[in-house]
Amino acid sequence: MSLTQLRIYQRAGEISDEVALFASLWPLIHRNTIGDQIIRAADSVSNNIAEGYGRTATGERIQFLMYADGSIAETRNCLKRALVRGLIASETNAKLQQSLLSLSISIVEFANAILEKDEYYNGPFRKRIAKRRAWLVEKLAKNADAASKESSIRGA
């Protein structure tokens, strides 16, 4: 499978293109500050996936996937800042936050699949990925609970 066929790489590129499109329309002061930062962070996700894909050692591959996941966290933070500053609509923020969370889960699951295929890998990422997976499951459960409560409030 080539890099361009990898779904996490494709999705990361789609998200970064969307982010770049709206950030390029912001007033100059915001384009030159948070706009540049959010574009770099979003671009970094697919860049790190690509760099990791080009590595042959399991530990190096996983390290770059974790860099990509870190760039997702940075992009999500920039989106929050943009929302507070009135640069993006809450609907846009919510959609992208969900897309980025979903991509984060996919990256962690891809990293786990790489680890499962390499029975000889004995580095620190087995524990780190297991911990990250558990955290994401907990986060998803909290999000589902919050959505359920919001839905029941709207329905009442």
Protein backbone atom coordinates (compact mmCIF):
# COMPACT_ATOMS: atom_id res chain seq x y z
CA MET A 1 0.00 0.00 0.00
CA SER A 2 1.33 3.43 -0.89
CA LEU A 3 1.26 6.42 1.43
CA THR A 4 -1.38 8.17 -0.66
CA GLN A 5 -3.71 5.18 -0.22
CA LEU A 6 -3.48 5.38 3.57
CA ARG A 7 -6.81 6.72 4.90
CA ILE A 8 -5.23 8.57 7.83
CA TYR A 9 -2.92 10.38 5.42
CA GLN A 10 -5.80 11.26 3.08
CA ARG A 11 -8.01 12.52 5.93
CA ALA A 12 -5.18 14.55 7.47
CA GLY A 13 -4.63 16.25 4.10
CA GLU A 14 -8.33 17.02 3.69
CA ILE A 15 -8.51 18.58 7.15
CA SER A 16 -5.37 20.66 6.66
CA ASP A 17 -6.66 21.94 3.31
CA GLU A 18 -9.95 22.94 4.93
CA VAL A 19 -8.13 24.72 7.76
CA ALA A 20 -5.82 26.54 5.33
CA LEU A 21 -8.77 27.67 3.24
CA PHE A 22 -10.64 29.40 6.05
CA ALA A 23 -7.53 30.72 7.84
CA SER A 24 -6.34 32.37 4.62
CA LEU A 25 -9.50 34.51 4.67
CA TRP A 26 -8.95 35.94 8.16
CA PRO A 27 -7.88 39.57 8.69
CA LEU A 28 -4.12 40.06 8.34
CA ILE A 29 -3.34 40.25 12.07
CA HIS A 30 -5.03 36.89 12.63
CA ARG A 31 -3.56 35.30 9.48
CA ASN A 32 -0.06 36.26 10.62
CA THR A 33 -0.52 34.90 14.15
CA ILE A 34 -2.97 32.11 14.87
CA GLY A 35 -3.61 31.58 11.14
CA ASP A 36 0.00 30.66 10.40
CA GLN A 37 0.14 28.50 13.53
CA ILE A 38 -3.04 26.54 12.82
CA ILE A 39 -1.99 25.90 9.22
CA ARG A 40 1.46 24.68 10.32
CA ALA A 41 -0.10 22.45 12.99
CA ALA A 42 -2.67 20.98 10.60
CA ASP A 43 -0.05 20.44 7.86
CA SER A 44 2.23 18.78 10.39
CA VAL A 45 -0.26 15.95 10.89
CA SER A 46 0.07 14.60 7.33
CA ASN A 47 3.78 15.51 7.19
CA ASN A 48 4.52 13.36 10.24
CA ILE A 49 2.38 10.50 8.94
CA ALA A 50 4.40 10.66 5.70
CA GLU A 51 7.74 10.78 7.49
CA GLY A 52 6.81 7.85 9.71
CA TYR A 53 5.59 5.87 6.72
CA GLY A 54 9.03 6.27 5.18
CA ARG A 55 10.77 4.73 8.19
CA THR A 56 11.49 1.03 8.46
CA ALA A 57 11.94 0.57 12.21
CA THR A 58 8.75 0.09 14.22
CA GLY A 59 9.81 2.50 16.95
CA GLU A 60 10.55 5.27 14.44
CA ARG A 61 7.23 4.71 12.65
CA ILE A 62 5.29 4.92 15.90
CA GLN A 63 7.26 7.99 17.05
CA PHE A 64 6.21 9.94 13.97
CA LEU A 65 2.61 8.80 14.32
CA MET A 66 2.68 10.13 17.88
CA TYR A 67 4.11 13.42 16.57
CA ALA A 68 1.14 13.53 14.17
CA ASP A 69 -1.22 12.91 17.08
CA GLY A 70 0.46 15.74 19.00
CA SER A 71 -0.08 18.03 16.02
CA ILE A 72 -3.76 17.13 16.15
CA ALA A 73 -3.85 18.34 19.75
CA GLU A 74 -2.16 21.58 18.70
CA THR A 75 -4.62 22.07 15.83
CA ARG A 76 -7.57 21.45 18.17
CA ASN A 77 -6.20 24.04 20.59
CA CYS A 78 -5.80 26.60 17.80
CA LEU A 79 -9.40 25.95 16.76
CA LYS A 80 -10.53 26.72 20.32
CA ARG A 81 -8.55 29.97 20.27
CA ALA A 82 -10.05 30.89 16.89
CA LEU A 83 -13.54 30.20 18.20
CA VAL A 84 -13.03 32.40 21.28
CA ARG A 85 -11.67 35.18 19.05
CA GLY A 86 -14.70 34.99 16.78
CA LEU A 87 -12.74 33.79 13.76
CA ILE A 88 -14.73 30.60 13.18
CA ALA A 89 -18.33 29.60 13.76
CA SER A 90 -19.13 27.17 16.55
CA GLU A 91 -20.48 24.70 13.97
CA THR A 92 -17.17 24.76 12.08
CA ASN A 93 -15.27 24.29 15.31
CA ALA A 94 -17.49 21.38 16.42
CA LYS A 95 -17.19 19.65 13.03
CA LEU A 96 -13.42 19.98 12.89
CA GLN A 97 -12.96 19.03 16.55
CA GLN A 98 -14.89 15.82 15.88
CA SER A 99 -12.98 15.12 12.67
CA LEU A 100 -9.67 15.63 14.46
CA LEU A 101 -10.70 13.40 17.37
CA SER A 102 -11.71 10.70 14.91
CA LEU A 103 -8.39 11.07 13.08
CA SER A 104 -6.52 10.85 16.39
CA ILE A 105 -8.28 7.58 17.17
CA SER A 106 -7.44 6.25 13.71
CA ILE A 107 -3.77 7.18 14.09
CA VAL A 108 -3.53 5.47 17.47
CA GLU A 109 -5.28 2.38 16.09
CA PHE A 110 -2.91 2.33 13.10
CA ALA A 111 0.05 2.57 15.48
CA ASN A 112 -1.39 -0.30 17.50
CA ALA A 113 -1.78 -2.40 14.33
CA ILE A 114 1.88 -1.78 13.48
CA LEU A 115 2.87 -2.90 16.97
CA GLU A 116 0.72 -6.02 16.75
CA LYS A 117 2.46 -7.04 13.52
CA ASP A 118 5.93 -6.68 15.04
CA GLU A 119 6.23 -9.35 17.73
CA TYR A 120 9.93 -8.55 18.20
CA TYR A 121 9.49 -4.86 19.00
CA ASN A 122 10.35 -4.38 22.66
CA GLY A 123 10.43 -0.60 22.97
CA PRO A 124 8.39 1.81 25.10
CA PHE A 125 5.56 2.37 22.64
CA ARG A 126 3.56 -0.73 23.54
CA LYS A 127 2.71 0.75 26.94
CA ARG A 128 2.30 4.28 25.57
CA ILE A 129 -0.10 3.21 22.84
CA ALA A 130 -2.11 1.06 25.27
CA LYS A 131 -2.37 4.04 27.63
CA ARG A 132 -3.38 6.39 24.80
CA ARG A 133 -6.02 3.94 23.55
CA ALA A 134 -7.52 3.68 27.05
CA TRP A 135 -7.59 7.47 27.37
CA LEU A 136 -9.36 7.83 24.01
CA VAL A 137 -11.98 5.23 24.96
CA GLU A 138 -12.63 7.14 28.19
CA LYS A 139 -12.87 10.44 26.28
CA LEU A 140 -15.32 8.95 23.79
CA ALA A 141 -17.47 7.63 26.62
CA LYS A 142 -17.57 11.07 28.24
CA ASN A 143 -18.47 12.69 24.91
CA ALA A 144 -21.25 10.15 24.37
CA ASP A 145 -22.61 10.80 27.89
CA ALA A 146 -22.56 14.56 27.31
CA ALA A 147 -24.30 14.19 23.94
CA SER A 148 -26.92 11.92 25.48
CA LYS A 149 -27.62 14.41 28.28
CA GLU A 150 -27.84 17.29 25.79
CA SER A 151 -30.20 15.28 23.62
CA SER A 152 -32.48 14.44 26.55
CA ILE A 153 -32.53 18.11 27.62
CA ARG A 154 -33.54 19.19 24.11
CA GLY A 155 -36.21 16.49 23.99
CA ALA A 156 -37.72 17.47 27.36
